[in-house]
Amino acid sequence: GCRVQGHDGLWLHTPDGVGNYKALWTRDFQYMVEHAGDLLDPQEIRASILYLLRGQRADGCVPDRVNVEGQAIYSPGGEQAPLADHALDNGPFLAMLVCNYLDLTDDAGLFSQVEPAVRMGLDHTRRDDSGLVYTSGKEPQCPYGFTDTVAKSGHLLFCSVLYHWACQRMSRASR
């Protein structure tokens, strides 16, 4: 019940149990793969990673979600009324998704193929000189899921922890 078919035939796993959400969310799919990846078809996980990456912007920004038509949406909120330019946690969540897929499958070929784009997504995460994820009061962002409809500013604890963990995982996977 948590799958809908995309325009290209790919089954997209949605964050609800009845298929109301007509998109593949980066964060929610990462959690699905991390905690129940052994219940999913590895080829569908792989295809979903590539589906999300097709929505990555030239500046490295990773989409919040990609809808069934293949359109990337970068910020939480409605497609016509985004809450910000992008969600700060999508780059780290994509990195975690790729690392969790690698742990499940040992598909080093996919990792090698997508690693530059995933790294670019991590590099897109705004940090200050201390290395903490940061967003100014002039451009508040929507960070770290489940409070992602609240624009925040300043140093962001959960995004910083997620970013650090994702970088550690990518470092290990790269070795």
C-alpha atoms as a PDB file:
ATOM      1  CA  GLY A   1       0.000   0.000   0.000  1.00  0.00           C
ATOM      2  CA  CYS A   2       2.971   2.359   0.254  1.00  0.00           C
ATOM      3  CA  ARG A   3       3.873   2.194  -3.429  1.00  0.00           C
ATOM      4  CA  VAL A   4       2.753   4.233  -6.411  1.00  0.00           C
ATOM      5  CA  GLN A   5       3.921   3.811  -9.969  1.00  0.00           C
ATOM      6  CA  GLY A   6       5.916   6.620 -11.535  1.00  0.00           C
ATOM      7  CA  HIS A   7       5.583   7.851 -15.109  1.00  0.00           C
ATOM      8  CA  ASP A   8       8.435   5.586 -16.211  1.00  0.00           C
ATOM      9  CA  GLY A   9       7.015   2.452 -14.551  1.00  0.00           C
ATOM     10  CA  LEU A  10       9.245   2.592 -11.465  1.00  0.00           C
ATOM     11  CA  TRP A  11       7.496   1.738  -8.216  1.00  0.00           C
ATOM     12  CA  LEU A  12       7.998   4.629  -5.803  1.00  0.00           C
ATOM     13  CA  HIS A  13       7.853   3.869  -2.086  1.00  0.00           C
ATOM     14  CA  THR A  14       5.849   6.539  -0.305  1.00  0.00           C
ATOM     15  CA  PRO A  15       5.898   7.594   3.357  1.00  0.00           C
ATOM     16  CA  ASP A  16       2.339   6.482   4.002  1.00  0.00           C
ATOM     17  CA  GLY A  17       0.705   3.070   4.008  1.00  0.00           C
ATOM     18  CA  VAL A  18      -1.942   3.736   1.380  1.00  0.00           C
ATOM     19  CA  GLY A  19      -0.155   5.513  -1.474  1.00  0.00           C
ATOM     20  CA  ASN A  20      -1.666   8.993  -0.994  1.00  0.00           C
ATOM     21  CA  TYR A  21       1.701  10.714  -1.352  1.00  0.00           C
ATOM     22  CA  LYS A  22       2.506  10.668  -5.053  1.00  0.00           C
ATOM     23  CA  ALA A  23       6.279  11.037  -4.747  1.00  0.00           C
ATOM     24  CA  LEU A  24       9.490   9.415  -3.565  1.00  0.00           C
ATOM     25  CA  TRP A  25      10.827  11.349  -0.537  1.00  0.00           C
ATOM     26  CA  THR A  26      14.603  11.278  -0.013  1.00  0.00           C
ATOM     27  CA  ARG A  27      14.419  11.228   3.799  1.00  0.00           C
ATOM     28  CA  ASP A  28      11.568   8.764   4.144  1.00  0.00           C
ATOM     29  CA  PHE A  29      13.015   6.339   1.606  1.00  0.00           C
ATOM     30  CA  GLN A  30      16.376   6.466   3.386  1.00  0.00           C
ATOM     31  CA  TYR A  31      14.687   5.486   6.645  1.00  0.00           C
ATOM     32  CA  MET A  32      12.801   2.721   4.846  1.00  0.00           C
ATOM     33  CA  VAL A  33      16.019   1.275   3.401  1.00  0.00           C
ATOM     34  CA  GLU A  34      17.933   1.681   6.672  1.00  0.00           C
ATOM     35  CA  HIS A  35      15.331  -0.080   8.794  1.00  0.00           C
ATOM     36  CA  ALA A  36      13.562  -2.421   6.361  1.00  0.00           C
ATOM     37  CA  GLY A  37      15.846  -2.617   3.342  1.00  0.00           C
ATOM     38  CA  ASP A  38      15.981  -6.391   3.606  1.00  0.00           C
ATOM     39  CA  LEU A  39      12.251  -6.412   2.787  1.00  0.00           C
ATOM     40  CA  LEU A  40      12.693  -4.393  -0.419  1.00  0.00           C
ATOM     41  CA  ASP A  41      13.842  -5.490  -3.855  1.00  0.00           C
ATOM     42  CA  PRO A  42      17.473  -4.329  -4.219  1.00  0.00           C
ATOM     43  CA  GLN A  43      16.869  -3.426  -7.878  1.00  0.00           C
ATOM     44  CA  GLU A  44      13.989  -1.156  -6.845  1.00  0.00           C
ATOM     45  CA  ILE A  45      16.207   0.525  -4.249  1.00  0.00           C
ATOM     46  CA  ARG A  46      18.908   1.048  -6.868  1.00  0.00           C
ATOM     47  CA  ALA A  47      16.428   2.449  -9.395  1.00  0.00           C
ATOM     48  CA  SER A  48      14.967   4.751  -6.736  1.00  0.00           C
ATOM     49  CA  ILE A  49      18.409   6.142  -5.879  1.00  0.00           C
ATOM     50  CA  LEU A  50      18.950   6.963  -9.550  1.00  0.00           C
ATOM     51  CA  TYR A  51      15.427   8.442  -9.759  1.00  0.00           C
ATOM     52  CA  LEU A  52      16.242  10.826  -6.896  1.00  0.00           C
ATOM     53  CA  LEU A  53      19.626  11.714  -8.404  1.00  0.00           C
ATOM     54  CA  ARG A  54      18.018  12.650 -11.728  1.00  0.00           C
ATOM     55  CA  GLY A  55      16.361  15.449  -9.756  1.00  0.00           C
ATOM     56  CA  GLN A  56      19.600  16.829  -8.323  1.00  0.00           C
ATOM     57  CA  ARG A  57      20.207  20.468  -9.326  1.00  0.00           C
ATOM     58  CA  ALA A  58      23.390  21.629 -11.041  1.00  0.00           C
ATOM     59  CA  ASP A  59      24.460  23.337  -7.788  1.00  0.00           C
ATOM     60  CA  GLY A  60      24.320  19.980  -5.969  1.00  0.00           C
ATOM     61  CA  CYS A  61      20.988  20.499  -4.207  1.00  0.00           C
ATOM     62  CA  VAL A  62      19.277  17.152  -3.591  1.00  0.00           C
ATOM     63  CA  PRO A  63      15.490  17.082  -3.958  1.00  0.00           C
ATOM     64  CA  ASP A  64      13.184  16.735  -1.000  1.00  0.00           C
ATOM     65  CA  ARG A  65      11.168  14.454  -3.251  1.00  0.00           C
ATOM     66  CA  VAL A  66      10.577  13.536  -6.879  1.00  0.00           C
ATOM     67  CA  ASN A  67       6.938  13.150  -7.850  1.00  0.00           C
ATOM     68  CA  VAL A  68       5.355  10.474 -10.046  1.00  0.00           C
ATOM     69  CA  GLU A  69       5.823  12.672 -13.137  1.00  0.00           C
ATOM     70  CA  GLY A  70       9.576  12.842 -12.454  1.00  0.00           C
ATOM     71  CA  GLN A  71       9.509  16.474 -11.266  1.00  0.00           C
ATOM     72  CA  ALA A  72      11.956  17.282  -8.474  1.00  0.00           C
ATOM     73  CA  ILE A  73      10.674  19.341  -5.566  1.00  0.00           C
ATOM     74  CA  TYR A  74      13.418  20.762  -3.349  1.00  0.00           C
ATOM     75  CA  SER A  75      11.539  22.096  -0.333  1.00  0.00           C
ATOM     76  CA  PRO A  76       8.892  20.750   1.998  1.00  0.00           C
ATOM     77  CA  GLY A  77       5.470  22.219   1.450  1.00  0.00           C
ATOM     78  CA  GLY A  78       3.207  22.232  -1.545  1.00  0.00           C
ATOM     79  CA  GLU A  79       4.666  21.970  -5.014  1.00  0.00           C
ATOM     80  CA  GLN A  80       3.306  25.424  -5.866  1.00  0.00           C
ATOM     81  CA  ALA A  81       4.130  26.970  -2.468  1.00  0.00           C
ATOM     82  CA  PRO A  82       7.534  25.718  -1.240  1.00  0.00           C
ATOM     83  CA  LEU A  83       8.528  26.725   2.273  1.00  0.00           C
ATOM     84  CA  ALA A  84      12.142  27.535   1.317  1.00  0.00           C
ATOM     85  CA  ASP A  85      14.620  27.034  -1.511  1.00  0.00           C
ATOM     86  CA  HIS A  86      15.460  23.548  -0.246  1.00  0.00           C
ATOM     87  CA  ALA A  87      15.621  21.328   2.806  1.00  0.00           C
ATOM     88  CA  LEU A  88      19.079  21.288   4.366  1.00  0.00           C
ATOM     89  CA  ASP A  89      19.038  17.592   5.236  1.00  0.00           C
ATOM     90  CA  ASN A  90      18.466  16.057   1.810  1.00  0.00           C
ATOM     91  CA  GLY A  91      22.149  15.795   0.839  1.00  0.00           C
ATOM     92  CA  PRO A  92      23.053  13.893   4.015  1.00  0.00           C
ATOM     93  CA  PHE A  93      19.945  11.710   3.755  1.00  0.00           C
ATOM     94  CA  LEU A  94      20.858  10.777   0.169  1.00  0.00           C
ATOM     95  CA  ALA A  95      24.392   9.889   1.300  1.00  0.00           C
ATOM     96  CA  MET A  96      22.979   7.688   4.060  1.00  0.00           C
ATOM     97  CA  LEU A  97      20.597   6.049   1.565  1.00  0.00           C
ATOM     98  CA  VAL A  98      23.436   5.181  -0.802  1.00  0.00           C
ATOM     99  CA  CYS A  99      25.584   3.839   2.054  1.00  0.00           C
ATOM    100  CA  ASN A 100      22.716   1.724   3.399  1.00  0.00           C
ATOM    101  CA  TYR A 101      22.120   0.331  -0.089  1.00  0.00           C
ATOM    102  CA  LEU A 102      25.828  -0.496  -0.360  1.00  0.00           C
ATOM    103  CA  ASP A 103      25.702  -2.281   3.013  1.00  0.00           C
ATOM    104  CA  LEU A 104      22.742  -4.362   1.806  1.00  0.00           C
ATOM    105  CA  THR A 105      24.076  -5.264  -1.633  1.00  0.00           C
ATOM    106  CA  ASP A 106      27.841  -4.677  -1.896  1.00  0.00           C
ATOM    107  CA  ASP A 107      27.029  -2.897  -5.205  1.00  0.00           C
ATOM    108  CA  ALA A 108      30.331  -1.024  -5.421  1.00  0.00           C
ATOM    109  CA  GLY A 109      29.611  -0.247  -9.074  1.00  0.00           C
ATOM    110  CA  LEU A 110      26.621   1.923  -8.210  1.00  0.00           C
ATOM    111  CA  PHE A 111      28.538   3.560  -5.371  1.00  0.00           C
ATOM    112  CA  SER A 112      31.384   4.479  -7.732  1.00  0.00           C
ATOM    113  CA  GLN A 113      28.899   5.795 -10.280  1.00  0.00           C
ATOM    114  CA  VAL A 114      26.981   8.061  -7.896  1.00  0.00           C
ATOM    115  CA  GLU A 115      29.675   9.030  -5.360  1.00  0.00           C
ATOM    116  CA  PRO A 116      30.623  12.321  -7.096  1.00  0.00           C
ATOM    117  CA  ALA A 117      26.980  13.467  -7.183  1.00  0.00           C
ATOM    118  CA  VAL A 118      26.381  12.371  -3.596  1.00  0.00           C
ATOM    119  CA  ARG A 119      29.500  14.223  -2.461  1.00  0.00           C
ATOM    120  CA  MET A 120      28.285  17.303  -4.353  1.00  0.00           C
ATOM    121  CA  GLY A 121      24.990  16.997  -2.448  1.00  0.00           C
ATOM    122  CA  LEU A 122      26.876  16.911   0.839  1.00  0.00           C
ATOM    123  CA  ASP A 123      28.981  19.893  -0.213  1.00  0.00           C
ATOM    124  CA  HIS A 124      25.760  21.810  -0.931  1.00  0.00           C
ATOM    125  CA  THR A 125      24.899  21.608   2.784  1.00  0.00           C
ATOM    126  CA  ARG A 126      25.520  25.093   4.167  1.00  0.00           C
ATOM    127  CA  ARG A 127      27.920  25.116   7.127  1.00  0.00           C
ATOM    128  CA  ASP A 128      29.752  27.859   8.996  1.00  0.00           C
ATOM    129  CA  ASP A 129      33.453  27.992   9.893  1.00  0.00           C
ATOM    130  CA  SER A 130      32.896  25.619  12.825  1.00  0.00           C
ATOM    131  CA  GLY A 131      31.570  22.952  10.456  1.00  0.00           C
ATOM    132  CA  LEU A 132      28.071  23.064  11.929  1.00  0.00           C
ATOM    133  CA  VAL A 133      25.116  23.256   9.573  1.00  0.00           C
ATOM    134  CA  TYR A 134      23.957  26.842   9.595  1.00  0.00           C
ATOM    135  CA  THR A 135      21.363  29.017   7.968  1.00  0.00           C
ATOM    136  CA  SER A 136      21.000  32.744   8.363  1.00  0.00           C
ATOM    137  CA  GLY A 137      17.935  34.579   9.574  1.00  0.00           C
ATOM    138  CA  LYS A 138      17.735  36.229   6.146  1.00  0.00           C
ATOM    139  CA  GLU A 139      17.215  32.874   4.448  1.00  0.00           C
ATOM    140  CA  PRO A 140      15.679  30.477   6.977  1.00  0.00           C
ATOM    141  CA  GLN A 141      15.505  26.907   5.747  1.00  0.00           C
ATOM    142  CA  CYS A 142      13.458  23.820   6.424  1.00  0.00           C
ATOM    143  CA  PRO A 143      15.683  21.303   8.155  1.00  0.00           C
ATOM    144  CA  TYR A 144      15.542  17.804   9.472  1.00  0.00           C
ATOM    145  CA  GLY A 145      12.287  16.072   8.777  1.00  0.00           C
ATOM    146  CA  PHE A 146       9.213  15.990  10.944  1.00  0.00           C
ATOM    147  CA  THR A 147       9.827  19.641  11.769  1.00  0.00           C
ATOM    148  CA  ASP A 148      10.471  20.319   8.105  1.00  0.00           C
ATOM    149  CA  THR A 149       7.504  22.657   7.768  1.00  0.00           C
ATOM    150  CA  VAL A 150       9.119  25.121  10.175  1.00  0.00           C
ATOM    151  CA  ALA A 151      11.652  27.566   8.734  1.00  0.00           C
ATOM    152  CA  LYS A 152      14.618  27.735  11.105  1.00  0.00           C
ATOM    153  CA  SER A 153      17.782  29.789  11.318  1.00  0.00           C
ATOM    154  CA  GLY A 154      21.067  29.609  13.195  1.00  0.00           C
ATOM    155  CA  HIS A 155      23.140  26.528  14.038  1.00  0.00           C
ATOM    156  CA  LEU A 156      21.069  23.401  13.522  1.00  0.00           C
ATOM    157  CA  LEU A 157      21.851  20.477  15.825  1.00  0.00           C
ATOM    158  CA  PHE A 158      20.071  17.595  14.107  1.00  0.00           C
ATOM    159  CA  CYS A 159      21.216  18.619  10.629  1.00  0.00           C
ATOM    160  CA  SER A 160      24.782  18.943  11.928  1.00  0.00           C
ATOM    161  CA  VAL A 161      24.707  15.485  13.519  1.00  0.00           C
ATOM    162  CA  LEU A 162      23.180  13.981  10.369  1.00  0.00           C
ATOM    163  CA  TYR A 163      25.759  15.705   8.159  1.00  0.00           C
ATOM    164  CA  HIS A 164      28.631  14.443  10.332  1.00  0.00           C
ATOM    165  CA  TRP A 165      27.268  10.890  10.351  1.00  0.00           C
ATOM    166  CA  ALA A 166      26.716  10.930   6.570  1.00  0.00           C
ATOM    167  CA  CYS A 167      30.284  12.134   5.985  1.00  0.00           C
ATOM    168  CA  GLN A 168      31.642   9.355   8.203  1.00  0.00           C
ATOM    169  CA  ARG A 169      29.582   6.750   6.338  1.00  0.00           C
ATOM    170  CA  MET A 170      30.704   8.082   2.938  1.00  0.00           C
ATOM    171  CA  SER A 171      34.319   8.048   4.082  1.00  0.00           C
ATOM    172  CA  ARG A 172      34.079   4.382   5.114  1.00  0.00           C
ATOM    173  CA  ALA A 173      32.242   3.443   1.913  1.00  0.00           C
ATOM    174  CA  SER A 174      34.841   5.244  -0.214  1.00  0.00           C
ATOM    175  CA  ARG A 175      37.638   3.238   1.391  1.00  0.00           C
END
